[in-house]
Amino acid sequence: MTAARPAGGQSQDGSPAVLLTSGDDSATLALTDTGRTTHHQAFTLIGKRRRAMLDGITDDQYLETVRLLEQMAENLAGA
């Protein structure tokens, strides 16, 4: 199996970072320890970025923006 690599393709020490391994059967994949660590770091960073992006925006403003973007996507799908 070919190992997946994080963005940049290498770990901090320069060696290939193996994130996935075969699971209990050949049809599934599982995260390695490195993969779990990378996932946790990404999840944490995404949360921080989302909070920063929404700073100063009310819930109503956010919901209206999402509604408008959904309408725009629907309009384009029908074009």
PDB file of N, CA and C in Angstrom:
ATOM      1  N   MET A   1       0.836  -1.178   0.000  1.00  0.00           N
ATOM      2  CA  MET A   1       0.000   0.000   0.000  1.00  0.00           C
ATOM      3  C   MET A   1       0.883   1.244   0.000  1.00  0.00           C
ATOM      4  N   THR A   2       0.458   2.265  -0.720  1.00  0.00           N
ATOM      5  CA  THR A   2       1.192   3.522  -0.742  1.00  0.00           C
ATOM      6  C   THR A   2       0.743   4.379   0.424  1.00  0.00           C
ATOM      7  N   ALA A   3       1.669   4.923   1.145  1.00  0.00           N
ATOM      8  CA  ALA A   3       1.342   5.750   2.303  1.00  0.00           C
ATOM      9  C   ALA A   3       0.917   7.139   1.852  1.00  0.00           C
ATOM     10  N   ALA A   4      -0.070   7.694   2.524  1.00  0.00           N
ATOM     11  CA  ALA A   4      -0.480   9.076   2.274  1.00  0.00           C
ATOM     12  C   ALA A   4       0.481   9.994   3.002  1.00  0.00           C
ATOM     13  N   ARG A   5       0.669  11.190   2.452  1.00  0.00           N
ATOM     14  CA  ARG A   5       1.576  12.143   3.073  1.00  0.00           C
ATOM     15  C   ARG A   5       0.845  13.440   3.350  1.00  0.00           C
ATOM     16  N   PRO A   6       1.236  14.146   4.382  1.00  0.00           N
ATOM     17  CA  PRO A   6       0.625  15.448   4.649  1.00  0.00           C
ATOM     18  C   PRO A   6       1.048  16.457   3.595  1.00  0.00           C
ATOM     19  N   ALA A   7       0.390  17.616   3.584  1.00  0.00           N
ATOM     20  CA  ALA A   7       0.778  18.680   2.663  1.00  0.00           C
ATOM     21  C   ALA A   7       2.262  18.931   2.821  1.00  0.00           C
ATOM     22  N   GLY A   8       2.952  19.018   1.737  1.00  0.00           N
ATOM     23  CA  GLY A   8       4.409  19.181   1.806  1.00  0.00           C
ATOM     24  C   GLY A   8       5.124  17.847   1.658  1.00  0.00           C
ATOM     25  N   GLY A   9       4.425  16.750   1.954  1.00  0.00           N
ATOM     26  CA  GLY A   9       4.937  15.420   1.698  1.00  0.00           C
ATOM     27  C   GLY A   9       5.911  14.856   2.693  1.00  0.00           C
ATOM     28  N   GLN A  10       6.331  15.614   3.679  1.00  0.00           N
ATOM     29  CA  GLN A  10       7.309  15.097   4.616  1.00  0.00           C
ATOM     30  C   GLN A  10       7.004  15.580   6.024  1.00  0.00           C
ATOM     31  N   SER A  11       7.493  14.810   6.981  1.00  0.00           N
ATOM     32  CA  SER A  11       7.358  15.218   8.371  1.00  0.00           C
ATOM     33  C   SER A  11       8.402  16.285   8.680  1.00  0.00           C
ATOM     34  N   GLN A  12       8.331  16.826   9.885  1.00  0.00           N
ATOM     35  CA  GLN A  12       9.244  17.902  10.257  1.00  0.00           C
ATOM     36  C   GLN A  12      10.704  17.485  10.214  1.00  0.00           C
ATOM     37  N   ASP A  13      10.992  16.202  10.447  1.00  0.00           N
ATOM     38  CA  ASP A  13      12.389  15.774  10.439  1.00  0.00           C
ATOM     39  C   ASP A  13      12.879  15.429   9.035  1.00  0.00           C
ATOM     40  N   GLY A  14      12.028  15.613   8.011  1.00  0.00           N
ATOM     41  CA  GLY A  14      12.442  15.380   6.637  1.00  0.00           C
ATOM     42  C   GLY A  14      12.163  13.990   6.113  1.00  0.00           C
ATOM     43  N   SER A  15      11.803  13.051   6.971  1.00  0.00           N
ATOM     44  CA  SER A  15      11.492  11.704   6.507  1.00  0.00           C
ATOM     45  C   SER A  15      10.024  11.625   6.082  1.00  0.00           C
ATOM     46  N   PRO A  16       9.689  10.689   5.177  1.00  0.00           N
ATOM     47  CA  PRO A  16       8.289  10.556   4.776  1.00  0.00           C
ATOM     48  C   PRO A  16       7.414  10.271   5.995  1.00  0.00           C
ATOM     49  N   ALA A  17       6.279  10.970   6.074  1.00  0.00           N
ATOM     50  CA  ALA A  17       5.368  10.796   7.202  1.00  0.00           C
ATOM     51  C   ALA A  17       4.262   9.834   6.788  1.00  0.00           C
ATOM     52  N   VAL A  18       4.207   8.695   7.387  1.00  0.00           N
ATOM     53  CA  VAL A  18       3.194   7.698   7.066  1.00  0.00           C
ATOM     54  C   VAL A  18       1.971   7.972   7.922  1.00  0.00           C
ATOM     55  N   LEU A  19       0.862   8.270   7.244  1.00  0.00           N
ATOM     56  CA  LEU A  19      -0.365   8.619   7.949  1.00  0.00           C
ATOM     57  C   LEU A  19      -1.379   7.496   7.989  1.00  0.00           C
ATOM     58  N   LEU A  20      -1.321   6.601   7.005  1.00  0.00           N
ATOM     59  CA  LEU A  20      -2.322   5.541   6.900  1.00  0.00           C
ATOM     60  C   LEU A  20      -1.664   4.181   6.838  1.00  0.00           C
ATOM     61  N   THR A  21      -2.411   3.188   7.283  1.00  0.00           N
ATOM     62  CA  THR A  21      -1.994   1.802   7.175  1.00  0.00           C
ATOM     63  C   THR A  21      -3.232   0.978   6.863  1.00  0.00           C
ATOM     64  N   SER A  22      -3.049  -0.252   6.467  1.00  0.00           N
ATOM     65  CA  SER A  22      -4.195  -1.131   6.229  1.00  0.00           C
ATOM     66  C   SER A  22      -4.903  -1.400   7.539  1.00  0.00           C
ATOM     67  N   GLY A  23      -6.240  -1.444   7.467  1.00  0.00           N
ATOM     68  CA  GLY A  23      -7.023  -1.721   8.660  1.00  0.00           C
ATOM     69  C   GLY A  23      -7.102  -3.202   8.921  1.00  0.00           C
ATOM     70  N   ASP A  24      -8.215  -3.629   9.548  1.00  0.00           N
ATOM     71  CA  ASP A  24      -8.390  -5.033   9.896  1.00  0.00           C
ATOM     72  C   ASP A  24      -8.484  -5.929   8.667  1.00  0.00           C
ATOM     73  N   ASP A  25      -8.955  -5.379   7.560  1.00  0.00           N
ATOM     74  CA  ASP A  25      -8.984  -6.132   6.311  1.00  0.00           C
ATOM     75  C   ASP A  25      -8.418  -5.241   5.211  1.00  0.00           C
ATOM     76  N   SER A  26      -8.180  -5.791   4.060  1.00  0.00           N
ATOM     77  CA  SER A  26      -7.524  -5.027   3.003  1.00  0.00           C
ATOM     78  C   SER A  26      -8.422  -3.938   2.405  1.00  0.00           C
ATOM     79  N   ALA A  27      -9.709  -3.916   2.755  1.00  0.00           N
ATOM     80  CA  ALA A  27     -10.641  -2.933   2.200  1.00  0.00           C
ATOM     81  C   ALA A  27     -10.731  -1.671   3.049  1.00  0.00           C
ATOM     82  N   THR A  28     -10.062  -1.635   4.182  1.00  0.00           N
ATOM     83  CA  THR A  28     -10.155  -0.461   5.052  1.00  0.00           C
ATOM     84  C   THR A  28      -8.770   0.126   5.313  1.00  0.00           C
ATOM     85  N   LEU A  29      -8.785   1.376   5.702  1.00  0.00           N
ATOM     86  CA  LEU A  29      -7.559   2.060   6.084  1.00  0.00           C
ATOM     87  C   LEU A  29      -7.694   2.518   7.524  1.00  0.00           C
ATOM     88  N   ALA A  30      -6.575   2.674   8.195  1.00  0.00           N
ATOM     89  CA  ALA A  30      -6.552   3.166   9.570  1.00  0.00           C
ATOM     90  C   ALA A  30      -5.433   4.185   9.700  1.00  0.00           C
ATOM     91  N   LEU A  31      -5.646   5.148  10.576  1.00  0.00           N
ATOM     92  CA  LEU A  31      -4.600   6.130  10.848  1.00  0.00           C
ATOM     93  C   LEU A  31      -3.500   5.512  11.703  1.00  0.00           C
ATOM     94  N   THR A  32      -2.285   5.853  11.370  1.00  0.00           N
ATOM     95  CA  THR A  32      -1.154   5.470  12.219  1.00  0.00           C
ATOM     96  C   THR A  32      -1.088   6.472  13.371  1.00  0.00           C
ATOM     97  N   ASP A  33      -0.156   6.288  14.283  1.00  0.00           N
ATOM     98  CA  ASP A  33       0.033   7.263  15.361  1.00  0.00           C
ATOM     99  C   ASP A  33       0.336   8.643  14.776  1.00  0.00           C
ATOM    100  N   THR A  34       1.185   8.675  13.758  1.00  0.00           N
ATOM    101  CA  THR A  34       1.500   9.944  13.093  1.00  0.00           C
ATOM    102  C   THR A  34       0.253  10.521  12.443  1.00  0.00           C
ATOM    103  N   GLY A  35      -0.542   9.675  11.835  1.00  0.00           N
ATOM    104  CA  GLY A  35      -1.783  10.117  11.215  1.00  0.00           C
ATOM    105  C   GLY A  35      -2.750  10.707  12.221  1.00  0.00           C
ATOM    106  N   ARG A  36      -2.876  10.058  13.382  1.00  0.00           N
ATOM    107  CA  ARG A  36      -3.766  10.581  14.442  1.00  0.00           C
ATOM    108  C   ARG A  36      -3.270  11.930  14.958  1.00  0.00           C
ATOM    109  N   THR A  37      -1.971  12.050  15.126  1.00  0.00           N
ATOM    110  CA  THR A  37      -1.396  13.319  15.585  1.00  0.00           C
ATOM    111  C   THR A  37      -1.645  14.418  14.556  1.00  0.00           C
ATOM    112  N   THR A  38      -1.403  14.122  13.288  1.00  0.00           N
ATOM    113  CA  THR A  38      -1.619  15.096  12.220  1.00  0.00           C
ATOM    114  C   THR A  38      -3.084  15.490  12.129  1.00  0.00           C
ATOM    115  N   HIS A  39      -3.978  14.524  12.254  1.00  0.00           N
ATOM    116  CA  HIS A  39      -5.419  14.804  12.225  1.00  0.00           C
ATOM    117  C   HIS A  39      -5.803  15.740  13.367  1.00  0.00           C
ATOM    118  N   HIS A  40      -5.305  15.463  14.553  1.00  0.00           N
ATOM    119  CA  HIS A  40      -5.616  16.306  15.710  1.00  0.00           C
ATOM    120  C   HIS A  40      -5.092  17.730  15.497  1.00  0.00           C
ATOM    121  N   GLN A  41      -3.878  17.859  14.991  1.00  0.00           N
ATOM    122  CA  GLN A  41      -3.309  19.185  14.741  1.00  0.00           C
ATOM    123  C   GLN A  41      -4.137  19.943  13.700  1.00  0.00           C
ATOM    124  N   ALA A  42      -4.541  19.269  12.633  1.00  0.00           N
ATOM    125  CA  ALA A  42      -5.345  19.916  11.596  1.00  0.00           C
ATOM    126  C   ALA A  42      -6.704  20.325  12.151  1.00  0.00           C
ATOM    127  N   PHE A  43      -7.345  19.437  12.916  1.00  0.00           N
ATOM    128  CA  PHE A  43      -8.653  19.719  13.507  1.00  0.00           C
ATOM    129  C   PHE A  43      -8.583  20.951  14.406  1.00  0.00           C
ATOM    130  N   THR A  44      -7.527  21.045  15.200  1.00  0.00           N
ATOM    131  CA  THR A  44      -7.334  22.190  16.093  1.00  0.00           C
ATOM    132  C   THR A  44      -7.132  23.476  15.294  1.00  0.00           C
ATOM    133  N   LEU A  45      -6.288  23.428  14.271  1.00  0.00           N
ATOM    134  CA  LEU A  45      -6.024  24.605  13.442  1.00  0.00           C
ATOM    135  C   LEU A  45      -7.283  25.056  12.702  1.00  0.00           C
ATOM    136  N   ILE A  46      -8.045  24.125  12.166  1.00  0.00           N
ATOM    137  CA  ILE A  46      -9.291  24.466  11.462  1.00  0.00           C
ATOM    138  C   ILE A  46     -10.251  25.172  12.403  1.00  0.00           C
ATOM    139  N   GLY A  47     -10.380  24.692  13.623  1.00  0.00           N
ATOM    140  CA  GLY A  47     -11.254  25.342  14.609  1.00  0.00           C
ATOM    141  C   GLY A  47     -10.824  26.767  14.890  1.00  0.00           C
ATOM    142  N   LYS A  48      -9.520  26.978  15.052  1.00  0.00           N
ATOM    143  CA  LYS A  48      -9.002  28.327  15.305  1.00  0.00           C
ATOM    144  C   LYS A  48      -9.279  29.242  14.115  1.00  0.00           C
ATOM    145  N   ARG A  49      -9.065  28.743  12.908  1.00  0.00           N
ATOM    146  CA  ARG A  49      -9.288  29.550  11.702  1.00  0.00           C
ATOM    147  C   ARG A  49     -10.770  29.889  11.542  1.00  0.00           C
ATOM    148  N   ARG A  50     -11.650  28.941  11.816  1.00  0.00           N
ATOM    149  CA  ARG A  50     -13.088  29.205  11.713  1.00  0.00           C
ATOM    150  C   ARG A  50     -13.525  30.265  12.714  1.00  0.00           C
ATOM    151  N   ARG A  51     -13.023  30.172  13.940  1.00  0.00           N
ATOM    152  CA  ARG A  51     -13.373  31.181  14.947  1.00  0.00           C
ATOM    153  C   ARG A  51     -12.866  32.557  14.523  1.00  0.00           C
ATOM    154  N   ALA A  52     -11.657  32.636  13.986  1.00  0.00           N
ATOM    155  CA  ALA A  52     -11.102  33.915  13.531  1.00  0.00           C
ATOM    156  C   ALA A  52     -11.911  34.467  12.356  1.00  0.00           C
ATOM    157  N   MET A  53     -12.328  33.606  11.456  1.00  0.00           N
ATOM    158  CA  MET A  53     -13.088  34.020  10.287  1.00  0.00           C
ATOM    159  C   MET A  53     -14.440  34.605  10.686  1.00  0.00           C
ATOM    160  N   LEU A  54     -15.043  34.086  11.729  1.00  0.00           N
ATOM    161  CA  LEU A  54     -16.380  34.503  12.134  1.00  0.00           C
ATOM    162  C   LEU A  54     -16.377  35.609  13.179  1.00  0.00           C
ATOM    163  N   ASP A  55     -15.190  36.082  13.567  1.00  0.00           N
ATOM    164  CA  ASP A  55     -15.090  37.133  14.579  1.00  0.00           C
ATOM    165  C   ASP A  55     -15.852  38.377  14.113  1.00  0.00           C
ATOM    166  N   GLY A  56     -16.768  38.862  14.935  1.00  0.00           N
ATOM    167  CA  GLY A  56     -17.539  40.060  14.615  1.00  0.00           C
ATOM    168  C   GLY A  56     -18.760  39.817  13.763  1.00  0.00           C
ATOM    169  N   ILE A  57     -19.026  38.567  13.404  1.00  0.00           N
ATOM    170  CA  ILE A  57     -20.193  38.216  12.598  1.00  0.00           C
ATOM    171  C   ILE A  57     -21.218  37.553  13.503  1.00  0.00           C
ATOM    172  N   THR A  58     -22.450  38.070  13.467  1.00  0.00           N
ATOM    173  CA  THR A  58     -23.503  37.490  14.309  1.00  0.00           C
ATOM    174  C   THR A  58     -23.988  36.174  13.701  1.00  0.00           C
ATOM    175  N   ASP A  59     -24.672  35.383  14.518  1.00  0.00           N
ATOM    176  CA  ASP A  59     -25.253  34.133  14.024  1.00  0.00           C
ATOM    177  C   ASP A  59     -26.214  34.408  12.873  1.00  0.00           C
ATOM    178  N   ASP A  60     -27.028  35.448  12.996  1.00  0.00           N
ATOM    179  CA  ASP A  60     -27.985  35.789  11.940  1.00  0.00           C
ATOM    180  C   ASP A  60     -27.268  36.170  10.646  1.00  0.00           C
ATOM    181  N   GLN A  61     -26.190  36.927  10.746  1.00  0.00           N
ATOM    182  CA  GLN A  61     -25.424  37.305   9.559  1.00  0.00           C
ATOM    183  C   GLN A  61     -24.822  36.069   8.890  1.00  0.00           C
ATOM    184  N   TYR A  62     -24.294  35.170   9.697  1.00  0.00           N
ATOM    185  CA  TYR A  62     -23.711  33.944   9.164  1.00  0.00           C
ATOM    186  C   TYR A  62     -24.771  33.123   8.450  1.00  0.00           C
ATOM    187  N   LEU A  63     -25.913  32.931   9.094  1.00  0.00           N
ATOM    188  CA  LEU A  63     -26.981  32.131   8.491  1.00  0.00           C
ATOM    189  C   LEU A  63     -27.488  32.758   7.199  1.00  0.00           C
ATOM    190  N   GLU A  64     -27.611  34.070   7.160  1.00  0.00           N
ATOM    191  CA  GLU A  64     -28.043  34.762   5.940  1.00  0.00           C
ATOM    192  C   GLU A  64     -27.010  34.587   4.830  1.00  0.00           C
ATOM    193  N   THR A  65     -25.751  34.661   5.163  1.00  0.00           N
ATOM    194  CA  THR A  65     -24.697  34.456   4.166  1.00  0.00           C
ATOM    195  C   THR A  65     -24.770  33.057   3.581  1.00  0.00           C
ATOM    196  N   VAL A  66     -24.925  32.064   4.428  1.00  0.00           N
ATOM    197  CA  VAL A  66     -25.027  30.681   3.961  1.00  0.00           C
ATOM    198  C   VAL A  66     -26.257  30.527   3.073  1.00  0.00           C
ATOM    199  N   ARG A  67     -27.394  31.126   3.483  1.00  0.00           N
ATOM    200  CA  ARG A  67     -28.617  31.035   2.692  1.00  0.00           C
ATOM    201  C   ARG A  67     -28.410  31.649   1.308  1.00  0.00           C
ATOM    202  N   LEU A  68     -27.767  32.818   1.263  1.00  0.00           N
ATOM    203  CA  LEU A  68     -27.513  33.475  -0.017  1.00  0.00           C
ATOM    204  C   LEU A  68     -26.574  32.663  -0.909  1.00  0.00           C
ATOM    205  N   LEU A  69     -25.537  32.097  -0.334  1.00  0.00           N
ATOM    206  CA  LEU A  69     -24.608  31.275  -1.113  1.00  0.00           C
ATOM    207  C   LEU A  69     -25.292  30.013  -1.642  1.00  0.00           C
ATOM    208  N   GLU A  70     -26.163  29.411  -0.838  1.00  0.00           N
ATOM    209  CA  GLU A  70     -26.916  28.246  -1.295  1.00  0.00           C
ATOM    210  C   GLU A  70     -27.815  28.620  -2.466  1.00  0.00           C
ATOM    211  N   GLN A  71     -28.471  29.785  -2.385  1.00  0.00           N
ATOM    212  CA  GLN A  71     -29.333  30.249  -3.462  1.00  0.00           C
ATOM    213  C   GLN A  71     -28.520  30.505  -4.734  1.00  0.00           C
ATOM    214  N   MET A  72     -27.361  31.108  -4.583  1.00  0.00           N
ATOM    215  CA  MET A  72     -26.512  31.370  -5.734  1.00  0.00           C
ATOM    216  C   MET A  72     -26.072  30.062  -6.395  1.00  0.00           C
ATOM    217  N   ALA A  73     -25.711  29.067  -5.590  1.00  0.00           N
ATOM    218  CA  ALA A  73     -25.305  27.764  -6.126  1.00  0.00           C
ATOM    219  C   ALA A  73     -26.469  27.091  -6.845  1.00  0.00           C
ATOM    220  N   GLU A  74     -27.643  27.186  -6.266  1.00  0.00           N
ATOM    221  CA  GLU A  74     -28.848  26.629  -6.893  1.00  0.00           C
ATOM    222  C   GLU A  74     -29.127  27.323  -8.221  1.00  0.00           C
ATOM    223  N   ASN A  75     -28.975  28.637  -8.246  1.00  0.00           N
ATOM    224  CA  ASN A  75     -29.184  29.399  -9.490  1.00  0.00           C
ATOM    225  C   ASN A  75     -28.207  28.940 -10.579  1.00  0.00           C
ATOM    226  N   LEU A  76     -26.945  28.729 -10.203  1.00  0.00           N
ATOM    227  CA  LEU A  76     -25.953  28.295 -11.179  1.00  0.00           C
ATOM    228  C   LEU A  76     -26.206  26.868 -11.658  1.00  0.00           C
ATOM    229  N   ALA A  77     -26.692  26.027 -10.778  1.00  0.00           N
ATOM    230  CA  ALA A  77     -26.961  24.634 -11.139  1.00  0.00           C
ATOM    231  C   ALA A  77     -28.062  24.567 -12.188  1.00  0.00           C
ATOM    232  N   GLY A  78     -28.986  25.508 -12.138  1.00  0.00           N
ATOM    233  CA  GLY A  78     -30.087  25.515 -13.098  1.00  0.00           C
ATOM    234  C   GLY A  78     -29.778  26.268 -14.373  1.00  0.00           C
ATOM    235  N   ALA A  79     -28.606  26.886 -14.460  1.00  0.00           N
ATOM    236  CA  ALA A  79     -28.268  27.708 -15.639  1.00  0.00           C
ATOM    237  C   ALA A  79     -27.817  26.868 -16.809  1.00  0.00           C
TER     238      ALA A  79
END
